[in-house]
Amino acid sequence: YNISAMSYGSLSKTAVTALSGGAKLGRFAHNTGEGGVSPFHIEGG
């Protein structure tokens, strides 16, 4: 069970960071969406 594709731009920077952070805490994956890999995807870890 993982996070489906949602791009930064359609979602806010805080939403993207929180999703990526949640994926790190729960050991699951976060799809970046077609908008590219943003610093906020990386920041969440």
PDB file of all heavy atoms in Angstrom:
ATOM      1  N   TYR A   1       0.856  -1.190   0.000  1.00  0.00           N
ATOM      2  CA  TYR A   1       0.000   0.000   0.000  1.00  0.00           C
ATOM      3  C   TYR A   1       0.888   1.235   0.000  1.00  0.00           C
ATOM      4  O   TYR A   1       1.693   1.420   0.916  1.00  0.00           O
ATOM      5  CB  TYR A   1      -0.908  -0.016   1.228  1.00  0.00           C
ATOM      6  CG  TYR A   1      -2.111   0.903   1.155  1.00  0.00           C
ATOM      7  CD1 TYR A   1      -2.911   0.952   0.020  1.00  0.00           C
ATOM      8  CD2 TYR A   1      -2.453   1.699   2.241  1.00  0.00           C
ATOM      9  CE1 TYR A   1      -4.024   1.775  -0.026  1.00  0.00           C
ATOM     10  CE2 TYR A   1      -3.577   2.527   2.212  1.00  0.00           C
ATOM     11  CZ  TYR A   1      -4.353   2.557   1.068  1.00  0.00           C
ATOM     12  OH  TYR A   1      -5.463   3.382   1.013  1.00  0.00           O
ATOM     13  N   ASN A   2       0.772   2.066  -1.026  1.00  0.00           N
ATOM     14  CA  ASN A   2       1.673   3.193  -1.223  1.00  0.00           C
ATOM     15  C   ASN A   2       0.920   4.439  -1.687  1.00  0.00           C
ATOM     16  O   ASN A   2      -0.267   4.380  -2.009  1.00  0.00           O
ATOM     17  CB  ASN A   2       2.747   2.819  -2.246  1.00  0.00           C
ATOM     18  CG  ASN A   2       3.525   1.586  -1.855  1.00  0.00           C
ATOM     19  OD1 ASN A   2       4.449   1.638  -1.060  1.00  0.00           O
ATOM     20  ND2 ASN A   2       3.134   0.438  -2.404  1.00  0.00           N
ATOM     21  N   ILE A   3       1.634   5.556  -1.735  1.00  0.00           N
ATOM     22  CA  ILE A   3       1.027   6.838  -2.128  1.00  0.00           C
ATOM     23  C   ILE A   3       1.045   6.952  -3.648  1.00  0.00           C
ATOM     24  O   ILE A   3       2.101   6.874  -4.275  1.00  0.00           O
ATOM     25  CB  ILE A   3       1.777   8.017  -1.502  1.00  0.00           C
ATOM     26  CG1 ILE A   3       1.797   7.897   0.026  1.00  0.00           C
ATOM     27  CG2 ILE A   3       1.149   9.341  -1.918  1.00  0.00           C
ATOM     28  CD1 ILE A   3       2.715   8.900   0.714  1.00  0.00           C
ATOM     29  N   SER A   4      -0.111   7.178  -4.230  1.00  0.00           N
ATOM     30  CA  SER A   4      -0.234   7.286  -5.676  1.00  0.00           C
ATOM     31  C   SER A   4       0.299   8.627  -6.186  1.00  0.00           C
ATOM     32  O   SER A   4       0.622   9.533  -5.418  1.00  0.00           O
ATOM     33  CB  SER A   4      -1.694   7.122  -6.089  1.00  0.00           C
ATOM     34  OG  SER A   4      -1.802   6.928  -7.491  1.00  0.00           O
ATOM     35  N   ALA A   5       0.376   8.742  -7.511  1.00  0.00           N
ATOM     36  CA  ALA A   5       1.011   9.888  -8.163  1.00  0.00           C
ATOM     37  C   ALA A   5       0.253  11.195  -7.935  1.00  0.00           C
ATOM     38  O   ALA A   5      -0.918  11.305  -8.286  1.00  0.00           O
ATOM     39  CB  ALA A   5       1.128   9.620  -9.658  1.00  0.00           C
ATOM     40  N   MET A   6       0.934  12.169  -7.326  1.00  0.00           N
ATOM     41  CA  MET A   6       0.410  13.528  -7.156  1.00  0.00           C
ATOM     42  C   MET A   6       1.601  14.479  -7.218  1.00  0.00           C
ATOM     43  O   MET A   6       2.500  14.403  -6.391  1.00  0.00           O
ATOM     44  CB  MET A   6      -0.328  13.672  -5.823  1.00  0.00           C
ATOM     45  CG  MET A   6      -1.613  12.857  -5.723  1.00  0.00           C
ATOM     46  SD  MET A   6      -2.454  13.048  -4.124  1.00  0.00           S
ATOM     47  CE  MET A   6      -1.415  12.003  -3.083  1.00  0.00           C
ATOM     48  N   SER A   7       1.609  15.364  -8.203  1.00  0.00           N
ATOM     49  CA  SER A   7       2.768  16.220  -8.452  1.00  0.00           C
ATOM     50  C   SER A   7       2.828  17.399  -7.494  1.00  0.00           C
ATOM     51  O   SER A   7       1.793  17.901  -7.029  1.00  0.00           O
ATOM     52  CB  SER A   7       2.715  16.768  -9.878  1.00  0.00           C
ATOM     53  OG  SER A   7       2.700  15.739 -10.831  1.00  0.00           O
ATOM     54  N   TYR A   8       4.079  17.854  -7.243  1.00  0.00           N
ATOM     55  CA  TYR A   8       4.216  19.159  -6.609  1.00  0.00           C
ATOM     56  C   TYR A   8       3.805  20.193  -7.644  1.00  0.00           C
ATOM     57  O   TYR A   8       4.279  20.201  -8.766  1.00  0.00           O
ATOM     58  CB  TYR A   8       5.654  19.423  -6.158  1.00  0.00           C
ATOM     59  CG  TYR A   8       5.855  20.871  -5.746  1.00  0.00           C
ATOM     60  CD1 TYR A   8       5.104  21.407  -4.713  1.00  0.00           C
ATOM     61  CD2 TYR A   8       6.747  21.701  -6.407  1.00  0.00           C
ATOM     62  CE1 TYR A   8       5.241  22.731  -4.339  1.00  0.00           C
ATOM     63  CE2 TYR A   8       6.898  23.026  -6.048  1.00  0.00           C
ATOM     64  CZ  TYR A   8       6.145  23.535  -5.012  1.00  0.00           C
ATOM     65  OH  TYR A   8       6.278  24.851  -4.657  1.00  0.00           O
ATOM     66  N   GLY A   9       2.953  21.087  -7.250  1.00  0.00           N
ATOM     67  CA  GLY A   9       2.330  22.042  -8.166  1.00  0.00           C
ATOM     68  C   GLY A   9       0.831  21.850  -8.105  1.00  0.00           C
ATOM     69  O   GLY A   9       0.081  22.797  -7.908  1.00  0.00           O
ATOM     70  N   SER A  10       0.398  20.585  -8.230  1.00  0.00           N
ATOM     71  CA  SER A  10      -1.016  20.295  -7.960  1.00  0.00           C
ATOM     72  C   SER A  10      -1.219  20.218  -6.451  1.00  0.00           C
ATOM     73  O   SER A  10      -2.262  20.619  -5.935  1.00  0.00           O
ATOM     74  CB  SER A  10      -1.445  18.994  -8.634  1.00  0.00           C
ATOM     75  OG  SER A  10      -0.672  17.912  -8.178  1.00  0.00           O
ATOM     76  N   LEU A  11      -0.215  19.700  -5.727  1.00  0.00           N
ATOM     77  CA  LEU A  11      -0.228  19.719  -4.270  1.00  0.00           C
ATOM     78  C   LEU A  11       0.752  20.778  -3.770  1.00  0.00           C
ATOM     79  O   LEU A  11       1.705  21.140  -4.464  1.00  0.00           O
ATOM     80  CB  LEU A  11       0.173  18.363  -3.694  1.00  0.00           C
ATOM     81  CG  LEU A  11      -0.704  17.149  -3.984  1.00  0.00           C
ATOM     82  CD1 LEU A  11      -0.312  15.997  -3.069  1.00  0.00           C
ATOM     83  CD2 LEU A  11      -2.176  17.450  -3.846  1.00  0.00           C
ATOM     84  N   SER A  12       0.525  21.247  -2.572  1.00  0.00           N
ATOM     85  CA  SER A  12       1.390  22.260  -1.973  1.00  0.00           C
ATOM     86  C   SER A  12       2.697  21.645  -1.488  1.00  0.00           C
ATOM     87  O   SER A  12       2.826  20.427  -1.354  1.00  0.00           O
ATOM     88  CB  SER A  12       0.677  22.925  -0.792  1.00  0.00           C
ATOM     89  OG  SER A  12       0.487  21.993   0.269  1.00  0.00           O
ATOM     90  N   LYS A  13       3.668  22.501  -1.205  1.00  0.00           N
ATOM     91  CA  LYS A  13       4.955  22.026  -0.713  1.00  0.00           C
ATOM     92  C   LYS A  13       4.832  21.361   0.657  1.00  0.00           C
ATOM     93  O   LYS A  13       5.507  20.366   0.927  1.00  0.00           O
ATOM     94  CB  LYS A  13       5.956  23.178  -0.671  1.00  0.00           C
ATOM     95  CG  LYS A  13       5.566  24.369   0.186  1.00  0.00           C
ATOM     96  CD  LYS A  13       6.600  25.489   0.093  1.00  0.00           C
ATOM     97  CE  LYS A  13       6.660  26.092  -1.300  1.00  0.00           C
ATOM     98  NZ  LYS A  13       7.639  27.219  -1.377  1.00  0.00           N
ATOM     99  N   THR A  14       3.944  21.870   1.509  1.00  0.00           N
ATOM    100  CA  THR A  14       3.774  21.245   2.822  1.00  0.00           C
ATOM    101  C   THR A  14       3.097  19.884   2.698  1.00  0.00           C
ATOM    102  O   THR A  14       3.447  18.946   3.420  1.00  0.00           O
ATOM    103  CB  THR A  14       2.955  22.155   3.755  1.00  0.00           C
ATOM    104  OG1 THR A  14       1.761  22.582   3.074  1.00  0.00           O
ATOM    105  CG2 THR A  14       3.759  23.372   4.174  1.00  0.00           C
ATOM    106  N   ALA A  15       2.151  19.757   1.772  1.00  0.00           N
ATOM    107  CA  ALA A  15       1.481  18.473   1.570  1.00  0.00           C
ATOM    108  C   ALA A  15       2.465  17.433   1.048  1.00  0.00           C
ATOM    109  O   ALA A  15       2.485  16.285   1.515  1.00  0.00           O
ATOM    110  CB  ALA A  15       0.314  18.635   0.605  1.00  0.00           C
ATOM    111  N   VAL A  16       3.281  17.811   0.067  1.00  0.00           N
ATOM    112  CA  VAL A  16       4.254  16.879  -0.506  1.00  0.00           C
ATOM    113  C   VAL A  16       5.272  16.451   0.542  1.00  0.00           C
ATOM    114  O   VAL A  16       5.609  15.264   0.667  1.00  0.00           O
ATOM    115  CB  VAL A  16       4.958  17.516  -1.726  1.00  0.00           C
ATOM    116  CG1 VAL A  16       6.143  16.670  -2.170  1.00  0.00           C
ATOM    117  CG2 VAL A  16       3.981  17.699  -2.876  1.00  0.00           C
ATOM    118  N   THR A  17       5.763  17.404   1.324  1.00  0.00           N
ATOM    119  CA  THR A  17       6.747  17.081   2.361  1.00  0.00           C
ATOM    120  C   THR A  17       6.152  16.142   3.405  1.00  0.00           C
ATOM    121  O   THR A  17       6.811  15.195   3.864  1.00  0.00           O
ATOM    122  CB  THR A  17       7.257  18.362   3.047  1.00  0.00           C
ATOM    123  OG1 THR A  17       7.726  19.278   2.055  1.00  0.00           O
ATOM    124  CG2 THR A  17       8.379  18.060   4.010  1.00  0.00           C
ATOM    125  N   ALA A  18       4.901  16.392   3.790  1.00  0.00           N
ATOM    126  CA  ALA A  18       4.242  15.539   4.785  1.00  0.00           C
ATOM    127  C   ALA A  18       4.008  14.126   4.247  1.00  0.00           C
ATOM    128  O   ALA A  18       4.187  13.140   4.974  1.00  0.00           O
ATOM    129  CB  ALA A  18       2.921  16.165   5.220  1.00  0.00           C
ATOM    130  N   LEU A  19       3.623  14.009   2.975  1.00  0.00           N
ATOM    131  CA  LEU A  19       3.418  12.688   2.380  1.00  0.00           C
ATOM    132  C   LEU A  19       4.724  11.904   2.338  1.00  0.00           C
ATOM    133  O   LEU A  19       4.788  10.730   2.714  1.00  0.00           O
ATOM    134  CB  LEU A  19       2.847  12.823   0.966  1.00  0.00           C
ATOM    135  CG  LEU A  19       1.379  13.257   0.869  1.00  0.00           C
ATOM    136  CD1 LEU A  19       1.012  13.544  -0.570  1.00  0.00           C
ATOM    137  CD2 LEU A  19       0.447  12.190   1.453  1.00  0.00           C
ATOM    138  N   SER A  20       5.786  12.563   1.886  1.00  0.00           N
ATOM    139  CA  SER A  20       7.085  11.895   1.822  1.00  0.00           C
ATOM    140  C   SER A  20       7.587  11.533   3.220  1.00  0.00           C
ATOM    141  O   SER A  20       8.138  10.444   3.442  1.00  0.00           O
ATOM    142  CB  SER A  20       8.105  12.787   1.113  1.00  0.00           C
ATOM    143  OG  SER A  20       9.358  12.158   1.020  1.00  0.00           O
ATOM    144  N   GLY A  21       7.348  12.442   4.179  1.00  0.00           N
ATOM    145  CA  GLY A  21       7.734  12.152   5.560  1.00  0.00           C
ATOM    146  C   GLY A  21       6.968  10.986   6.135  1.00  0.00           C
ATOM    147  O   GLY A  21       7.519  10.150   6.872  1.00  0.00           O
ATOM    148  N   GLY A  22       5.677  10.904   5.815  1.00  0.00           N
ATOM    149  CA  GLY A  22       4.864   9.772   6.270  1.00  0.00           C
ATOM    150  C   GLY A  22       5.338   8.464   5.654  1.00  0.00           C
ATOM    151  O   GLY A  22       5.355   7.425   6.321  1.00  0.00           O
ATOM    152  N   ALA A  23       5.730   8.526   4.362  1.00  0.00           N
ATOM    153  CA  ALA A  23       6.250   7.329   3.692  1.00  0.00           C
ATOM    154  C   ALA A  23       7.532   6.841   4.369  1.00  0.00           C
ATOM    155  O   ALA A  23       7.754   5.639   4.506  1.00  0.00           O
ATOM    156  CB  ALA A  23       6.503   7.629   2.217  1.00  0.00           C
ATOM    157  N   LYS A  24       8.367   7.782   4.793  1.00  0.00           N
ATOM    158  CA  LYS A  24       9.600   7.401   5.481  1.00  0.00           C
ATOM    159  C   LYS A  24       9.285   6.744   6.829  1.00  0.00           C
ATOM    160  O   LYS A  24       9.843   5.694   7.163  1.00  0.00           O
ATOM    161  CB  LYS A  24      10.492   8.622   5.691  1.00  0.00           C
ATOM    162  CG  LYS A  24      11.799   8.302   6.391  1.00  0.00           C
ATOM    163  CD  LYS A  24      12.656   9.536   6.602  1.00  0.00           C
ATOM    164  CE  LYS A  24      13.968   9.175   7.297  1.00  0.00           C
ATOM    165  NZ  LYS A  24      14.829  10.370   7.520  1.00  0.00           N
ATOM    166  N   LEU A  25       8.372   7.352   7.595  1.00  0.00           N
ATOM    167  CA  LEU A  25       8.029   6.790   8.906  1.00  0.00           C
ATOM    168  C   LEU A  25       7.405   5.404   8.774  1.00  0.00           C
ATOM    169  O   LEU A  25       7.668   4.515   9.587  1.00  0.00           O
ATOM    170  CB  LEU A  25       7.052   7.723   9.634  1.00  0.00           C
ATOM    171  CG  LEU A  25       7.598   9.064  10.132  1.00  0.00           C
ATOM    172  CD1 LEU A  25       6.461   9.910  10.692  1.00  0.00           C
ATOM    173  CD2 LEU A  25       8.670   8.844  11.191  1.00  0.00           C
ATOM    174  N   GLY A  26       6.558   5.223   7.753  1.00  0.00           N
ATOM    175  CA  GLY A  26       5.838   3.960   7.603  1.00  0.00           C
ATOM    176  C   GLY A  26       6.505   2.951   6.702  1.00  0.00           C
ATOM    177  O   GLY A  26       5.962   1.867   6.488  1.00  0.00           O
ATOM    178  N   ARG A  27       7.659   3.313   6.113  1.00  0.00           N
ATOM    179  CA  ARG A  27       8.404   2.421   5.221  1.00  0.00           C
ATOM    180  C   ARG A  27       7.562   1.982   4.027  1.00  0.00           C
ATOM    181  O   ARG A  27       7.408   0.808   3.720  1.00  0.00           O
ATOM    182  CB  ARG A  27       8.921   1.193   5.978  1.00  0.00           C
ATOM    183  CG  ARG A  27       9.923   1.519   7.078  1.00  0.00           C
ATOM    184  CD  ARG A  27      10.435   0.286   7.803  1.00  0.00           C
ATOM    185  NE  ARG A  27      11.082  -0.638   6.902  1.00  0.00           N
ATOM    186  CZ  ARG A  27      10.647  -1.865   6.609  1.00  0.00           C
ATOM    187  NH1 ARG A  27       9.508  -2.297   7.156  1.00  0.00           N
ATOM    188  NH2 ARG A  27      11.307  -2.652   5.786  1.00  0.00           N
ATOM    189  N   PHE A  28       7.010   2.966   3.337  1.00  0.00           N
ATOM    190  CA  PHE A  28       6.323   2.689   2.085  1.00  0.00           C
ATOM    191  C   PHE A  28       6.731   3.748   1.068  1.00  0.00           C
ATOM    192  O   PHE A  28       7.554   4.613   1.376  1.00  0.00           O
ATOM    193  CB  PHE A  28       4.803   2.608   2.271  1.00  0.00           C
ATOM    194  CG  PHE A  28       4.168   3.809   2.927  1.00  0.00           C
ATOM    195  CD1 PHE A  28       3.516   4.771   2.164  1.00  0.00           C
ATOM    196  CD2 PHE A  28       4.180   3.955   4.312  1.00  0.00           C
ATOM    197  CE1 PHE A  28       2.910   5.868   2.775  1.00  0.00           C
ATOM    198  CE2 PHE A  28       3.571   5.042   4.921  1.00  0.00           C
ATOM    199  CZ  PHE A  28       2.945   6.004   4.149  1.00  0.00           C
ATOM    200  N   ALA A  29       6.215   3.671  -0.149  1.00  0.00           N
ATOM    201  CA  ALA A  29       6.719   4.496  -1.245  1.00  0.00           C
ATOM    202  C   ALA A  29       5.754   5.613  -1.604  1.00  0.00           C
ATOM    203  O   ALA A  29       4.541   5.515  -1.405  1.00  0.00           O
ATOM    204  CB  ALA A  29       6.999   3.631  -2.474  1.00  0.00           C
ATOM    205  N   HIS A  30       6.316   6.676  -2.177  1.00  0.00           N
ATOM    206  CA  HIS A  30       5.584   7.878  -2.551  1.00  0.00           C
ATOM    207  C   HIS A  30       5.861   8.160  -4.028  1.00  0.00           C
ATOM    208  O   HIS A  30       7.001   8.428  -4.410  1.00  0.00           O
ATOM    209  CB  HIS A  30       6.069   9.041  -1.668  1.00  0.00           C
ATOM    210  CG  HIS A  30       5.436  10.359  -1.964  1.00  0.00           C
ATOM    211  ND1 HIS A  30       5.940  11.555  -1.490  1.00  0.00           N
ATOM    212  CD2 HIS A  30       4.337  10.691  -2.681  1.00  0.00           C
ATOM    213  CE1 HIS A  30       5.187  12.551  -1.904  1.00  0.00           C
ATOM    214  NE2 HIS A  30       4.210  12.048  -2.634  1.00  0.00           N
ATOM    215  N   ASN A  31       4.820   8.077  -4.850  1.00  0.00           N
ATOM    216  CA  ASN A  31       4.951   8.380  -6.275  1.00  0.00           C
ATOM    217  C   ASN A  31       4.972   9.895  -6.470  1.00  0.00           C
ATOM    218  O   ASN A  31       4.095  10.599  -5.969  1.00  0.00           O
ATOM    219  CB  ASN A  31       3.805   7.746  -7.057  1.00  0.00           C
ATOM    220  CG  ASN A  31       4.020   7.773  -8.551  1.00  0.00           C
ATOM    221  OD1 ASN A  31       4.252   8.812  -9.153  1.00  0.00           O
ATOM    222  ND2 ASN A  31       3.922   6.607  -9.175  1.00  0.00           N
ATOM    223  N   THR A  32       5.947  10.392  -7.220  1.00  0.00           N
ATOM    224  CA  THR A  32       6.127  11.839  -7.362  1.00  0.00           C
ATOM    225  C   THR A  32       5.089  12.510  -8.235  1.00  0.00           C
ATOM    226  O   THR A  32       4.923  13.726  -8.169  1.00  0.00           O
ATOM    227  CB  THR A  32       7.505  12.149  -7.978  1.00  0.00           C
ATOM    228  OG1 THR A  32       7.536  11.653  -9.329  1.00  0.00           O
ATOM    229  CG2 THR A  32       8.627  11.532  -7.164  1.00  0.00           C
ATOM    230  N   GLY A  33       4.371  11.749  -9.075  1.00  0.00           N
ATOM    231  CA  GLY A  33       3.562  12.379 -10.103  1.00  0.00           C
ATOM    232  C   GLY A  33       4.467  12.851 -11.224  1.00  0.00           C
ATOM    233  O   GLY A  33       5.697  12.895 -11.093  1.00  0.00           O
ATOM    234  N   GLU A  34       3.866  13.236 -12.360  1.00  0.00           N
ATOM    235  CA  GLU A  34       4.671  13.544 -13.542  1.00  0.00           C
ATOM    236  C   GLU A  34       5.331  14.921 -13.487  1.00  0.00           C
ATOM    237  O   GLU A  34       6.042  15.306 -14.415  1.00  0.00           O
ATOM    238  CB  GLU A  34       3.823  13.430 -14.807  1.00  0.00           C
ATOM    239  CG  GLU A  34       2.669  14.419 -14.900  1.00  0.00           C
ATOM    240  CD  GLU A  34       1.892  14.236 -16.201  1.00  0.00           C
ATOM    241  OE1 GLU A  34       2.507  14.301 -17.280  1.00  0.00           O
ATOM    242  OE2 GLU A  34       0.667  14.036 -16.118  1.00  0.00           O
ATOM    243  N   GLY A  35       5.123  15.678 -12.403  1.00  0.00           N
ATOM    244  CA  GLY A  35       5.704  17.010 -12.298  1.00  0.00           C
ATOM    245  C   GLY A  35       7.169  17.036 -11.915  1.00  0.00           C
ATOM    246  O   GLY A  35       7.747  18.109 -11.750  1.00  0.00           O
ATOM    247  N   GLY A  36       7.795  15.877 -11.760  1.00  0.00           N
ATOM    248  CA  GLY A  36       9.214  15.822 -11.442  1.00  0.00           C
ATOM    249  C   GLY A  36       9.483  15.654  -9.960  1.00  0.00           C
ATOM    250  O   GLY A  36       8.583  15.728  -9.118  1.00  0.00           O
ATOM    251  N   VAL A  37      10.740  15.410  -9.646  1.00  0.00           N
ATOM    252  CA  VAL A  37      11.178  15.220  -8.268  1.00  0.00           C
ATOM    253  C   VAL A  37      11.503  16.588  -7.678  1.00  0.00           C
ATOM    254  O   VAL A  37      12.478  17.224  -8.066  1.00  0.00           O
ATOM    255  CB  VAL A  37      12.414  14.304  -8.188  1.00  0.00           C
ATOM    256  CG1 VAL A  37      12.819  14.077  -6.736  1.00  0.00           C
ATOM    257  CG2 VAL A  37      12.135  12.972  -8.878  1.00  0.00           C
ATOM    258  N   SER A  38      10.696  17.038  -6.737  1.00  0.00           N
ATOM    259  CA  SER A  38      10.884  18.362  -6.139  1.00  0.00           C
ATOM    260  C   SER A  38      11.747  18.260  -4.884  1.00  0.00           C
ATOM    261  O   SER A  38      11.899  17.176  -4.308  1.00  0.00           O
ATOM    262  CB  SER A  38       9.525  18.970  -5.768  1.00  0.00           C
ATOM    263  OG  SER A  38       8.996  18.330  -4.616  1.00  0.00           O
ATOM    264  N   PRO A  39      12.298  19.379  -4.421  1.00  0.00           N
ATOM    265  CA  PRO A  39      13.042  19.365  -3.156  1.00  0.00           C
ATOM    266  C   PRO A  39      12.197  18.902  -1.977  1.00  0.00           C
ATOM    267  O   PRO A  39      12.725  18.386  -0.987  1.00  0.00           O
ATOM    268  CB  PRO A  39      13.457  20.833  -2.984  1.00  0.00           C
ATOM    269  CG  PRO A  39      13.410  21.424  -4.344  1.00  0.00           C
ATOM    270  CD  PRO A  39      12.309  20.706  -5.055  1.00  0.00           C
ATOM    271  N   PHE A  40      10.877  19.051  -2.093  1.00  0.00           N
ATOM    272  CA  PHE A  40       9.987  18.692  -0.988  1.00  0.00           C
ATOM    273  C   PHE A  40       9.770  17.179  -0.920  1.00  0.00           C
ATOM    274  O   PHE A  40       9.541  16.628   0.153  1.00  0.00           O
ATOM    275  CB  PHE A  40       8.675  19.457  -1.123  1.00  0.00           C
ATOM    276  CG  PHE A  40       8.914  20.916  -1.400  1.00  0.00           C
ATOM    277  CD1 PHE A  40       8.681  21.457  -2.656  1.00  0.00           C
ATOM    278  CD2 PHE A  40       9.445  21.731  -0.417  1.00  0.00           C
ATOM    279  CE1 PHE A  40       8.948  22.785  -2.927  1.00  0.00           C
ATOM    280  CE2 PHE A  40       9.711  23.069  -0.670  1.00  0.00           C
ATOM    281  CZ  PHE A  40       9.459  23.600  -1.927  1.00  0.00           C
ATOM    282  N   HIS A  41       9.846  16.498  -2.090  1.00  0.00           N
ATOM    283  CA  HIS A  41       9.853  15.034  -2.075  1.00  0.00           C
ATOM    284  C   HIS A  41      11.106  14.531  -1.360  1.00  0.00           C
ATOM    285  O   HIS A  41      11.050  13.587  -0.560  1.00  0.00           O
ATOM    286  CB  HIS A  41       9.856  14.478  -3.508  1.00  0.00           C
ATOM    287  CG  HIS A  41       8.575  14.666  -4.255  1.00  0.00           C
ATOM    288  ND1 HIS A  41       8.390  15.643  -5.199  1.00  0.00           N
ATOM    289  CD2 HIS A  41       7.402  13.983  -4.189  1.00  0.00           C
ATOM    290  CE1 HIS A  41       7.168  15.556  -5.690  1.00  0.00           C
ATOM    291  NE2 HIS A  41       6.546  14.561  -5.100  1.00  0.00           N
ATOM    292  N   ILE A  42      12.221  15.158  -1.651  1.00  0.00           N
ATOM    293  CA  ILE A  42      13.493  14.748  -1.055  1.00  0.00           C
ATOM    294  C   ILE A  42      13.529  15.097   0.434  1.00  0.00           C
ATOM    295  O   ILE A  42      13.991  14.314   1.265  1.00  0.00           O
ATOM    296  CB  ILE A  42      14.669  15.424  -1.781  1.00  0.00           C
ATOM    297  CG1 ILE A  42      14.664  15.070  -3.276  1.00  0.00           C
ATOM    298  CG2 ILE A  42      15.996  15.043  -1.133  1.00  0.00           C
ATOM    299  CD1 ILE A  42      14.790  13.603  -3.569  1.00  0.00           C
ATOM    300  N   GLU A  43      13.024  16.292   0.780  1.00  0.00           N
ATOM    301  CA  GLU A  43      13.048  16.754   2.172  1.00  0.00           C
ATOM    302  C   GLU A  43      12.319  15.796   3.102  1.00  0.00           C
ATOM    303  O   GLU A  43      12.747  15.570   4.241  1.00  0.00           O
ATOM    304  CB  GLU A  43      12.423  18.151   2.252  1.00  0.00           C
ATOM    305  CG  GLU A  43      12.417  18.758   3.654  1.00  0.00           C
ATOM    306  CD  GLU A  43      11.730  20.117   3.693  1.00  0.00           C
ATOM    307  OE1 GLU A  43      11.608  20.769   2.632  1.00  0.00           O
ATOM    308  OE2 GLU A  43      11.295  20.528   4.783  1.00  0.00           O
ATOM    309  N   GLY A  44      11.212  15.220   2.627  1.00  0.00           N
ATOM    310  CA  GLY A  44      10.453  14.290   3.470  1.00  0.00           C
ATOM    311  C   GLY A  44      11.218  13.019   3.780  1.00  0.00           C
ATOM    312  O   GLY A  44      10.985  12.387   4.807  1.00  0.00           O
ATOM    313  N   GLY A  45      12.096  12.618   2.864  1.00  0.00           N
ATOM    314  CA  GLY A  45      12.958  11.468   3.122  1.00  0.00           C
ATOM    315  C   GLY A  45      12.400  10.117   2.761  1.00  0.00           C
ATOM    316  O   GLY A  45      13.055   9.094   2.991  1.00  0.00           O
TER     317      GLY A  45
END
